[in-house]
PDB file of N, CA and C in Angstrom:
ATOM      1  N   MET A   1       0.612  -1.189  -0.033  1.00  0.00           N
ATOM      2  CA  MET A   1       0.014  -0.047   0.022  1.00  0.00           C
ATOM      3  C   MET A   1       1.017   1.609   0.027  1.00  0.00           C
ATOM      4  N   MET A   2       0.718   2.028  -0.878  1.00  0.00           N
ATOM      5  CA  MET A   2       1.333   3.439  -1.109  1.00  0.00           C
ATOM      6  C   MET A   2       0.805   4.317   0.110  1.00  0.00           C
ATOM      7  N   GLN A   3       2.319   4.834   1.075  1.00  0.00           N
ATOM      8  CA  GLN A   3       1.454   5.356   2.121  1.00  0.00           C
ATOM      9  C   GLN A   3       2.104   7.208   1.782  1.00  0.00           C
ATOM     10  N   ASN A   4       2.687   7.490   0.931  1.00  0.00           N
ATOM     11  CA  ASN A   4       3.083   9.141   0.261  1.00  0.00           C
ATOM     12  C   ASN A   4       2.625   8.971  -1.023  1.00  0.00           C
ATOM     13  N   LEU A   5       1.394   9.505  -1.229  1.00  0.00           N
ATOM     14  CA  LEU A   5       1.161   9.834  -3.050  1.00  0.00           C
ATOM     15  C   LEU A   5       1.922  10.855  -3.613  1.00  0.00           C
ATOM     16  N   ASP A   6       2.261  11.830  -2.642  1.00  0.00           N
ATOM     17  CA  ASP A   6       3.030  12.965  -3.280  1.00  0.00           C
ATOM     18  C   ASP A   6       4.147  12.437  -3.809  1.00  0.00           C
ATOM     19  N   SER A   7       4.885  11.156  -3.716  1.00  0.00           N
ATOM     20  CA  SER A   7       6.000  11.004  -3.841  1.00  0.00           C
ATOM     21  C   SER A   7       5.959  10.182  -5.238  1.00  0.00           C
ATOM     22  N   VAL A   8       4.598   9.822  -5.928  1.00  0.00           N
ATOM     23  CA  VAL A   8       4.488   9.135  -7.217  1.00  0.00           C
ATOM     24  C   VAL A   8       4.655  10.082  -8.061  1.00  0.00           C
ATOM     25  N   PRO A   9       5.642   9.706  -9.295  1.00  0.00           N
ATOM     26  CA  PRO A   9       5.686  10.557 -10.007  1.00  0.00           C
ATOM     27  C   PRO A   9       4.722  11.605 -10.989  1.00  0.00           C
ATOM     28  N   GLU A  10       3.853  10.675 -11.306  1.00  0.00           N
ATOM     29  CA  GLU A  10       2.468  11.299 -11.883  1.00  0.00           C
ATOM     30  C   GLU A  10       1.617  12.428 -10.776  1.00  0.00           C
ATOM     31  N   ARG A  11       1.560  12.115 -10.035  1.00  0.00           N
ATOM     32  CA  ARG A  11       0.980  12.744  -8.691  1.00  0.00           C
ATOM     33  C   ARG A  11       1.829  14.255  -8.440  1.00  0.00           C
ATOM     34  N   GLN A  12       3.273  14.155  -8.906  1.00  0.00           N
ATOM     35  CA  GLN A  12       4.297  15.361  -8.700  1.00  0.00           C
ATOM     36  C   GLN A  12       3.653  16.397  -9.827  1.00  0.00           C
ATOM     37  N   ARG A  13       3.143  15.787 -11.191  1.00  0.00           N
ATOM     38  CA  ARG A  13       2.705  16.706 -12.167  1.00  0.00           C
ATOM     39  C   ARG A  13       1.339  17.642 -12.128  1.00  0.00           C
ATOM     40  N   VAL A  14       0.920  17.030 -10.769  1.00  0.00           N
ATOM     41  CA  VAL A  14      -0.663  17.777 -10.592  1.00  0.00           C
ATOM     42  C   VAL A  14      -0.609  18.845  -9.775  1.00  0.00           C
ATOM     43  N   PRO A  15      -0.860  20.457 -10.487  1.00  0.00           N
ATOM     44  CA  PRO A  15      -0.511  21.249  -9.374  1.00  0.00           C
ATOM     45  C   PRO A  15      -1.093  21.009  -8.269  1.00  0.00           C
ATOM     46  N   GLU A  16      -0.428  21.507  -7.023  1.00  0.00           N
ATOM     47  CA  GLU A  16      -0.691  21.081  -5.604  1.00  0.00           C
ATOM     48  C   GLU A  16      -1.647  21.717  -5.141  1.00  0.00           C
ATOM     49  N   LYS A  17      -2.412  22.906  -5.635  1.00  0.00           N
ATOM     50  CA  LYS A  17      -3.693  23.513  -5.423  1.00  0.00           C
ATOM     51  C   LYS A  17      -4.991  22.374  -6.105  1.00  0.00           C
ATOM     52  N   LEU A  18      -4.381  21.817  -6.894  1.00  0.00           N
ATOM     53  CA  LEU A  18      -5.367  20.888  -7.563  1.00  0.00           C
ATOM     54  C   LEU A  18      -5.518  19.353  -7.330  1.00  0.00           C
ATOM     55  N   ARG A  19      -4.396  19.179  -5.949  1.00  0.00           N
ATOM     56  CA  ARG A  19      -4.482  17.821  -5.846  1.00  0.00           C
ATOM     57  C   ARG A  19      -5.746  17.352  -4.917  1.00  0.00           C
ATOM     58  N   SER A  20      -6.087  15.929  -5.050  1.00  0.00           N
ATOM     59  CA  SER A  20      -7.508  15.478  -4.194  1.00  0.00           C
ATOM     60  C   SER A  20      -6.875  14.059  -3.882  1.00  0.00           C
ATOM     61  N   CYS A  21      -7.606  13.531  -3.773  1.00  0.00           N
ATOM     62  CA  CYS A  21      -7.189  11.934  -3.250  1.00  0.00           C
ATOM     63  C   CYS A  21      -6.849  10.631  -4.256  1.00  0.00           C
ATOM     64  N   HIS A  22      -7.046  10.774  -5.482  1.00  0.00           N
ATOM     65  CA  HIS A  22      -6.806   9.734  -6.484  1.00  0.00           C
ATOM     66  C   HIS A  22      -6.254  10.330  -7.383  1.00  0.00           C
ATOM     67  N   THR A  23      -5.538   9.454  -7.756  1.00  0.00           N
ATOM     68  CA  THR A  23      -4.754  10.013  -9.104  1.00  0.00           C
ATOM     69  C   THR A  23      -4.491   8.829 -10.336  1.00  0.00           C
ATOM     70  N   ALA A  24      -5.265   9.246 -11.533  1.00  0.00           N
ATOM     71  CA  ALA A  24      -5.014   7.839 -12.310  1.00  0.00           C
ATOM     72  C   ALA A  24      -4.253   8.778 -13.705  1.00  0.00           C
ATOM     73  N   VAL A  25      -3.783   7.781 -14.502  1.00  0.00           N
ATOM     74  CA  VAL A  25      -3.504   7.924 -16.023  1.00  0.00           C
ATOM     75  C   VAL A  25      -4.475   7.420 -16.914  1.00  0.00           C
ATOM     76  N   VAL A  26      -5.341   7.913 -17.604  1.00  0.00           N
ATOM     77  CA  VAL A  26      -6.215   7.468 -18.564  1.00  0.00           C
ATOM     78  C   VAL A  26      -5.878   8.050 -19.701  1.00  0.00           C
ATOM     79  N   GLY A  27      -5.782   7.492 -21.160  1.00  0.00           N
ATOM     80  CA  GLY A  27      -5.230   7.862 -22.195  1.00  0.00           C
ATOM     81  C   GLY A  27      -3.864   8.977 -22.326  1.00  0.00           C
ATOM     82  N   GLY A  28      -3.203   8.802 -21.140  1.00  0.00           N
ATOM     83  CA  GLY A  28      -2.197   9.689 -21.398  1.00  0.00           C
ATOM     84  C   GLY A  28      -2.335  11.068 -20.562  1.00  0.00           C
ATOM     85  N   TYR A  29      -3.437  11.073 -19.986  1.00  0.00           N
ATOM     86  CA  TYR A  29      -4.158  12.151 -19.411  1.00  0.00           C
ATOM     87  C   TYR A  29      -3.707  11.891 -17.939  1.00  0.00           C
ATOM     88  N   LEU A  30      -3.513  13.342 -17.415  1.00  0.00           N
ATOM     89  CA  LEU A  30      -3.731  12.939 -15.487  1.00  0.00           C
ATOM     90  C   LEU A  30      -5.335  13.321 -15.127  1.00  0.00           C
ATOM     91  N   VAL A  31      -5.564  12.383 -14.397  1.00  0.00           N
ATOM     92  CA  VAL A  31      -6.839  12.543 -14.005  1.00  0.00           C
ATOM     93  C   VAL A  31      -6.729  12.401 -12.373  1.00  0.00           C
ATOM     94  N   GLU A  32      -7.357  13.586 -11.909  1.00  0.00           N
ATOM     95  CA  GLU A  32      -7.286  13.675 -10.208  1.00  0.00           C
ATOM     96  C   GLU A  32      -8.729  14.045  -9.688  1.00  0.00           C
ATOM     97  N   GLY A  33      -8.759  13.162  -8.779  1.00  0.00           N
ATOM     98  CA  GLY A  33      -9.956  13.403  -7.748  1.00  0.00           C
ATOM     99  C   GLY A  33     -11.261  12.743  -8.441  1.00  0.00           C
ATOM    100  N   HIS A  34     -12.479  13.261  -7.789  1.00  0.00           N
ATOM    101  CA  HIS A  34     -13.917  12.476  -8.109  1.00  0.00           C
ATOM    102  C   HIS A  34     -14.168  13.545  -9.617  1.00  0.00           C
ATOM    103  N   ILE A  35     -13.899  12.514 -10.660  1.00  0.00           N
ATOM    104  CA  ILE A  35     -14.266  13.321 -11.975  1.00  0.00           C
ATOM    105  C   ILE A  35     -15.341  12.358 -12.589  1.00  0.00           C
ATOM    106  N   PRO A  36     -16.950  13.023 -12.649  1.00  0.00           N
ATOM    107  CA  PRO A  36     -17.376  11.888 -13.520  1.00  0.00           C
ATOM    108  C   PRO A  36     -16.807  11.316 -14.824  1.00  0.00           C
ATOM    109  N   ALA A  37     -17.539  10.015 -15.023  1.00  0.00           N
ATOM    110  CA  ALA A  37     -17.111   9.332 -16.370  1.00  0.00           C
ATOM    111  C   ALA A  37     -17.298  10.095 -17.531  1.00  0.00           C
ATOM    112  N   ALA A  38     -18.384  10.739 -17.545  1.00  0.00           N
ATOM    113  CA  ALA A  38     -18.932  11.736 -18.692  1.00  0.00           C
ATOM    114  C   ALA A  38     -17.713  12.798 -19.096  1.00  0.00           C
ATOM    115  N   VAL A  39     -17.118  13.196 -18.011  1.00  0.00           N
ATOM    116  CA  VAL A  39     -16.229  13.926 -18.366  1.00  0.00           C
ATOM    117  C   VAL A  39     -14.849  13.719 -18.986  1.00  0.00           C
ATOM    118  N   VAL A  40     -14.787  12.336 -18.242  1.00  0.00           N
ATOM    119  CA  VAL A  40     -13.363  11.733 -18.988  1.00  0.00           C
ATOM    120  C   VAL A  40     -13.525  11.190 -20.197  1.00  0.00           C
ATOM    121  N   ARG A  41     -14.368  10.830 -20.582  1.00  0.00           N
ATOM    122  CA  ARG A  41     -15.129  10.554 -22.011  1.00  0.00           C
ATOM    123  C   ARG A  41     -15.097  11.732 -22.733  1.00  0.00           C
ATOM    124  N   ARG A  42     -15.218  12.902 -22.343  1.00  0.00           N
ATOM    125  CA  ARG A  42     -15.148  13.829 -23.302  1.00  0.00           C
ATOM    126  C   ARG A  42     -13.569  14.412 -23.684  1.00  0.00           C
ATOM    127  N   LEU A  43     -13.221  14.144 -22.551  1.00  0.00           N
ATOM    128  CA  LEU A  43     -11.097  14.379 -22.376  1.00  0.00           C
ATOM    129  C   LEU A  43     -10.811  13.391 -23.543  1.00  0.00           C
ATOM    130  N   LEU A  44     -11.343  12.678 -23.264  1.00  0.00           N
ATOM    131  CA  LEU A  44     -10.715  11.371 -24.339  1.00  0.00           C
ATOM    132  C   LEU A  44     -11.173  11.304 -25.586  1.00  0.00           C
ATOM    133  N   ALA A  45     -12.307  12.306 -26.002  1.00  0.00           N
ATOM    134  CA  ALA A  45     -12.757  12.216 -27.203  1.00  0.00           C
ATOM    135  C   ALA A  45     -11.957  13.519 -27.875  1.00  0.00           C
ATOM    136  N   GLU A  46     -12.145  14.534 -26.991  1.00  0.00           N
ATOM    137  CA  GLU A  46     -11.467  15.887 -27.497  1.00  0.00           C
ATOM    138  C   GLU A  46      -9.957  15.824 -27.705  1.00  0.00           C
ATOM    139  N   LYS A  47      -9.411  15.309 -26.924  1.00  0.00           N
ATOM    140  CA  LYS A  47      -7.937  15.393 -27.005  1.00  0.00           C
ATOM    141  C   LYS A  47      -7.328  16.440 -26.803  1.00  0.00           C
ATOM    142  N   PRO A  48      -7.803  17.315 -25.880  1.00  0.00           N
ATOM    143  CA  PRO A  48      -7.383  18.863 -25.881  1.00  0.00           C
ATOM    144  C   PRO A  48      -5.713  18.529 -25.379  1.00  0.00           C
ATOM    145  N   LYS A  49      -4.683  19.711 -25.688  1.00  0.00           N
ATOM    146  CA  LYS A  49      -3.237  19.688 -25.531  1.00  0.00           C
ATOM    147  C   LYS A  49      -2.926  20.239 -24.085  1.00  0.00           C
ATOM    148  N   ILE A  50      -3.521  18.934 -23.065  1.00  0.00           N
ATOM    149  CA  ILE A  50      -3.487  19.647 -21.672  1.00  0.00           C
ATOM    150  C   ILE A  50      -2.678  18.536 -20.816  1.00  0.00           C
ATOM    151  N   THR A  51      -2.321  18.319 -19.773  1.00  0.00           N
ATOM    152  CA  THR A  51      -1.618  17.632 -18.920  1.00  0.00           C
ATOM    153  C   THR A  51      -2.822  16.703 -18.397  1.00  0.00           C
ATOM    154  N   GLY A  52      -3.501  17.067 -17.640  1.00  0.00           N
ATOM    155  CA  GLY A  52      -5.065  16.683 -17.290  1.00  0.00           C
ATOM    156  C   GLY A  52      -6.056  17.318 -16.847  1.00  0.00           C
ATOM    157  N   ILE A  53      -6.932  16.839 -15.843  1.00  0.00           N
ATOM    158  CA  ILE A  53      -7.917  17.345 -15.156  1.00  0.00           C
ATOM    159  C   ILE A  53      -8.179  17.063 -13.990  1.00  0.00           C
ATOM    160  N   ALA A  54      -8.460  17.793 -13.338  1.00  0.00           N
ATOM    161  CA  ALA A  54      -8.564  17.767 -11.570  1.00  0.00           C
ATOM    162  C   ALA A  54     -10.205  18.106 -11.245  1.00  0.00           C
ATOM    163  N   VAL A  55     -10.290  17.633  -9.991  1.00  0.00           N
ATOM    164  CA  VAL A  55     -11.593  18.066  -9.381  1.00  0.00           C
ATOM    165  C   VAL A  55     -10.811  18.375  -7.816  1.00  0.00           C
ATOM    166  N   PRO A  56     -10.412  19.203  -7.292  1.00  0.00           N
ATOM    167  CA  PRO A  56      -9.922  19.409  -6.082  1.00  0.00           C
ATOM    168  C   PRO A  56     -11.028  19.362  -4.958  1.00  0.00           C
ATOM    169  N   GLY A  57     -10.182  18.737  -3.736  1.00  0.00           N
ATOM    170  CA  GLY A  57     -11.434  18.266  -2.854  1.00  0.00           C
ATOM    171  C   GLY A  57     -11.963  17.015  -2.950  1.00  0.00           C
ATOM    172  N   MET A  58     -13.189  16.844  -2.321  1.00  0.00           N
ATOM    173  CA  MET A  58     -14.141  16.005  -2.677  1.00  0.00           C
ATOM    174  C   MET A  58     -15.666  16.460  -2.476  1.00  0.00           C
ATOM    175  N   PRO A  59     -16.191  17.282  -3.440  1.00  0.00           N
ATOM    176  CA  PRO A  59     -16.931  18.076  -3.489  1.00  0.00           C
ATOM    177  C   PRO A  59     -18.062  17.109  -2.974  1.00  0.00           C
ATOM    178  N   SER A  60     -19.260  17.412  -2.246  1.00  0.00           N
ATOM    179  CA  SER A  60     -20.306  16.462  -1.911  1.00  0.00           C
ATOM    180  C   SER A  60     -21.062  16.062  -3.373  1.00  0.00           C
ATOM    181  N   GLY A  61     -21.363  15.171  -3.475  1.00  0.00           N
ATOM    182  CA  GLY A  61     -22.389  14.688  -4.798  1.00  0.00           C
ATOM    183  C   GLY A  61     -21.883  14.228  -6.051  1.00  0.00           C
ATOM    184  N   SER A  62     -20.042  14.693  -5.779  1.00  0.00           N
ATOM    185  CA  SER A  62     -19.440  14.026  -6.645  1.00  0.00           C
ATOM    186  C   SER A  62     -19.498  12.537  -6.828  1.00  0.00           C
ATOM    187  N   PRO A  63     -18.832  11.895  -7.770  1.00  0.00           N
ATOM    188  CA  PRO A  63     -18.925  10.356  -8.132  1.00  0.00           C
ATOM    189  C   PRO A  63     -17.799   9.791  -6.670  1.00  0.00           C
ATOM    190  N   GLY A  64     -18.633   8.777  -5.847  1.00  0.00           N
ATOM    191  CA  GLY A  64     -18.052   8.239  -4.710  1.00  0.00           C
ATOM    192  C   GLY A  64     -18.529   9.221  -3.609  1.00  0.00           C
ATOM    193  N   MET A  65     -18.858  10.582  -3.609  1.00  0.00           N
ATOM    194  CA  MET A  65     -19.235  11.339  -2.443  1.00  0.00           C
ATOM    195  C   MET A  65     -20.947  11.653  -2.607  1.00  0.00           C
ATOM    196  N   GLU A  66     -21.543  10.480  -3.230  1.00  0.00           N
ATOM    197  CA  GLU A  66     -22.917  10.988  -2.916  1.00  0.00           C
ATOM    198  C   GLU A  66     -23.167  11.280  -1.481  1.00  0.00           C
ATOM    199  N   SER A  67     -24.522  12.462  -1.792  1.00  0.00           N
ATOM    200  CA  SER A  67     -25.091  13.115  -0.759  1.00  0.00           C
ATOM    201  C   SER A  67     -26.451  13.622  -0.629  1.00  0.00           C
ATOM    202  N   PRO A  68     -26.835  13.389   0.062  1.00  0.00           N
ATOM    203  CA  PRO A  68     -28.595  14.293   0.356  1.00  0.00           C
ATOM    204  C   PRO A  68     -28.420  15.970   0.002  1.00  0.00           C
ATOM    205  N   ALA A  69     -27.087  16.212   0.135  1.00  0.00           N
ATOM    206  CA  ALA A  69     -27.320  17.709   0.177  1.00  0.00           C
ATOM    207  C   ALA A  69     -25.591  18.079  -1.335  1.00  0.00           C
ATOM    208  N   PRO A  70     -26.047  17.742  -2.570  1.00  0.00           N
ATOM    209  CA  PRO A  70     -24.772  17.915  -3.408  1.00  0.00           C
ATOM    210  C   PRO A  70     -24.599  19.345  -3.878  1.00  0.00           C
ATOM    211  N   GLU A  71     -23.670  19.628  -4.111  1.00  0.00           N
ATOM    212  CA  GLU A  71     -23.022  20.761  -4.343  1.00  0.00           C
ATOM    213  C   GLU A  71     -22.600  20.610  -5.681  1.00  0.00           C
ATOM    214  N   PRO A  72     -22.692  22.420  -6.152  1.00  0.00           N
ATOM    215  CA  PRO A  72     -22.158  22.180  -7.920  1.00  0.00           C
ATOM    216  C   PRO A  72     -20.250  22.354  -7.609  1.00  0.00           C
ATOM    217  N   TYR A  73     -19.699  22.038  -8.767  1.00  0.00           N
ATOM    218  CA  TYR A  73     -18.436  22.107  -8.614  1.00  0.00           C
ATOM    219  C   TYR A  73     -17.721  22.116 -10.056  1.00  0.00           C
ATOM    220  N   GLU A  74     -16.310  22.701 -10.193  1.00  0.00           N
ATOM    221  CA  GLU A  74     -15.922  22.680 -11.463  1.00  0.00           C
ATOM    222  C   GLU A  74     -14.772  21.440 -11.618  1.00  0.00           C
ATOM    223  N   VAL A  75     -14.507  21.120 -12.989  1.00  0.00           N
ATOM    224  CA  VAL A  75     -13.474  20.233 -13.138  1.00  0.00           C
ATOM    225  C   VAL A  75     -12.632  21.125 -13.687  1.00  0.00           C
ATOM    226  N   ILE A  76     -11.480  21.231 -13.422  1.00  0.00           N
ATOM    227  CA  ILE A  76      -9.960  22.037 -13.922  1.00  0.00           C
ATOM    228  C   ILE A  76      -8.885  21.553 -14.803  1.00  0.00           C
ATOM    229  N   ALA A  77      -8.960  22.288 -15.916  1.00  0.00           N
ATOM    230  CA  ALA A  77      -7.749  21.229 -16.795  1.00  0.00           C
ATOM    231  C   ALA A  77      -6.477  22.337 -16.614  1.00  0.00           C
ATOM    232  N   PHE A  78      -5.349  21.339 -16.535  1.00  0.00           N
ATOM    233  CA  PHE A  78      -4.330  22.222 -16.221  1.00  0.00           C
ATOM    234  C   PHE A  78      -3.245  21.569 -17.458  1.00  0.00           C
ATOM    235  N   GLY A  79      -2.296  22.345 -17.559  1.00  0.00           N
ATOM    236  CA  GLY A  79      -1.414  22.340 -18.333  1.00  0.00           C
ATOM    237  C   GLY A  79       0.249  22.596 -17.834  1.00  0.00           C
ATOM    238  N   PRO A  80       1.224  22.579 -18.836  1.00  0.00           N
ATOM    239  CA  PRO A  80       2.365  22.961 -18.547  1.00  0.00           C
ATOM    240  C   PRO A  80       2.400  24.483 -17.867  1.00  0.00           C
ATOM    241  N   GLY A  81       3.527  24.746 -16.946  1.00  0.00           N
ATOM    242  CA  GLY A  81       3.685  25.965 -16.492  1.00  0.00           C
ATOM    243  C   GLY A  81       2.347  26.596 -15.613  1.00  0.00           C
ATOM    244  N   ASP A  82       1.928  25.452 -15.015  1.00  0.00           N
ATOM    245  CA  ASP A  82       0.242  25.701 -14.043  1.00  0.00           C
ATOM    246  C   ASP A  82      -0.679  26.465 -14.428  1.00  0.00           C
ATOM    247  N   LYS A  83      -0.787  26.709 -15.922  1.00  0.00           N
ATOM    248  CA  LYS A  83      -1.777  27.111 -16.553  1.00  0.00           C
ATOM    249  C   LYS A  83      -3.136  26.153 -16.307  1.00  0.00           C
ATOM    250  N   THR A  84      -4.369  26.757 -15.753  1.00  0.00           N
ATOM    251  CA  THR A  84      -5.552  26.191 -15.803  1.00  0.00           C
ATOM    252  C   THR A  84      -6.975  26.806 -16.355  1.00  0.00           C
ATOM    253  N   TYR A  85      -7.682  26.026 -16.494  1.00  0.00           N
ATOM    254  CA  TYR A  85      -9.097  26.619 -17.327  1.00  0.00           C
ATOM    255  C   TYR A  85     -10.260  25.669 -16.838  1.00  0.00           C
ATOM    256  N   VAL A  86     -11.164  26.136 -16.453  1.00  0.00           N
ATOM    257  CA  VAL A  86     -12.552  25.270 -16.114  1.00  0.00           C
ATOM    258  C   VAL A  86     -12.759  24.635 -17.432  1.00  0.00           C
ATOM    259  N   PHE A  87     -12.733  22.838 -17.371  1.00  0.00           N
ATOM    260  CA  PHE A  87     -13.070  22.185 -18.532  1.00  0.00           C
ATOM    261  C   PHE A  87     -14.611  21.811 -18.478  1.00  0.00           C
ATOM    262  N   ALA A  88     -14.766  21.748 -17.413  1.00  0.00           N
ATOM    263  CA  ALA A  88     -16.525  21.505 -17.177  1.00  0.00           C
ATOM    264  C   ALA A  88     -17.137  21.881 -16.047  1.00  0.00           C
ATOM    265  N   ARG A  89     -18.184  22.260 -16.044  1.00  0.00           N
ATOM    266  CA  ARG A  89     -18.899  22.381 -14.402  1.00  0.00           C
ATOM    267  C   ARG A  89     -19.821  21.297 -14.644  1.00  0.00           C
ATOM    268  N   VAL A  90     -20.092  20.880 -13.066  1.00  0.00           N
ATOM    269  CA  VAL A  90     -20.919  19.919 -12.712  1.00  0.00           C
ATOM    270  C   VAL A  90     -21.769  20.502 -11.848  1.00  0.00           C
ATOM    271  N   ALA A  91     -23.348  20.487 -11.985  1.00  0.00           N
ATOM    272  CA  ALA A  91     -24.273  20.906 -11.246  1.00  0.00           C
ATOM    273  C   ALA A  91     -24.819  20.424  -9.965  1.00  0.00           C
ATOM    274  N   ALA A  92     -25.475  20.723  -9.322  1.00  0.00           N
ATOM    275  CA  ALA A  92     -25.733  19.803  -8.219  1.00  0.00           C
ATOM    276  C   ALA A  92     -27.052  18.916  -8.431  1.00  0.00           C
ATOM    277  N   ASN A  93     -27.421  18.952  -9.340  1.00  0.00           N
ATOM    278  CA  ASN A  93     -28.107  17.777 -10.087  1.00  0.00           C
ATOM    279  C   ASN A  93     -27.371  16.922 -10.568  1.00  0.00           C
ATOM    280  N   GLY A  94     -26.192  16.923 -11.089  1.00  0.00           N
ATOM    281  CA  GLY A  94     -25.324  15.954 -11.652  1.00  0.00           C
ATOM    282  C   GLY A  94     -25.217  16.179 -13.232  1.00  0.00           C
ATOM    283  N   SER A  95     -25.879  17.461 -13.706  1.00  0.00           N
ATOM    284  CA  SER A  95     -26.091  17.757 -15.254  1.00  0.00           C
ATOM    285  C   SER A  95     -24.247  18.551 -15.549  1.00  0.00           C
ATOM    286  N   ILE A  96     -23.924  18.252 -16.603  1.00  0.00           N
ATOM    287  CA  ILE A  96     -22.377  18.718 -16.902  1.00  0.00           C
ATOM    288  C   ILE A  96     -22.379  19.618 -17.793  1.00  0.00           C
ATOM    289  N   SER A  97     -21.810  20.823 -18.007  1.00  0.00           N
ATOM    290  CA  SER A  97     -21.575  21.655 -18.857  1.00  0.00           C
ATOM    291  C   SER A  97     -20.483  21.687 -18.888  1.00  0.00           C
ATOM    292  N   ARG A  98     -20.026  22.803 -20.278  1.00  0.00           N
ATOM    293  CA  ARG A  98     -18.493  23.507 -20.431  1.00  0.00           C
ATOM    294  C   ARG A  98     -18.244  24.646 -19.316  1.00  0.00           C
TER     295      ARG A  98
END
């Protein structure tokens, strides 16, 4: 069992302010945190020139964090030089927009 995720090379490429509790490599992209599958599918279909996407923290209502009081949250794209932008917005009802 890995005790210090921050020592994993892939994790080190995720800007510190965007880190969460899970890191995966999917289709060559870093995927950090509780990200809806539909957003990952969009990432793989569009193939933007970014390093990855992240959901910082563990928003209530995100995948794996189901709640009777879900909250809206943003999926942030990140790339070289700590450049970031909102890749997707997830509403409290789970609908996804750009």
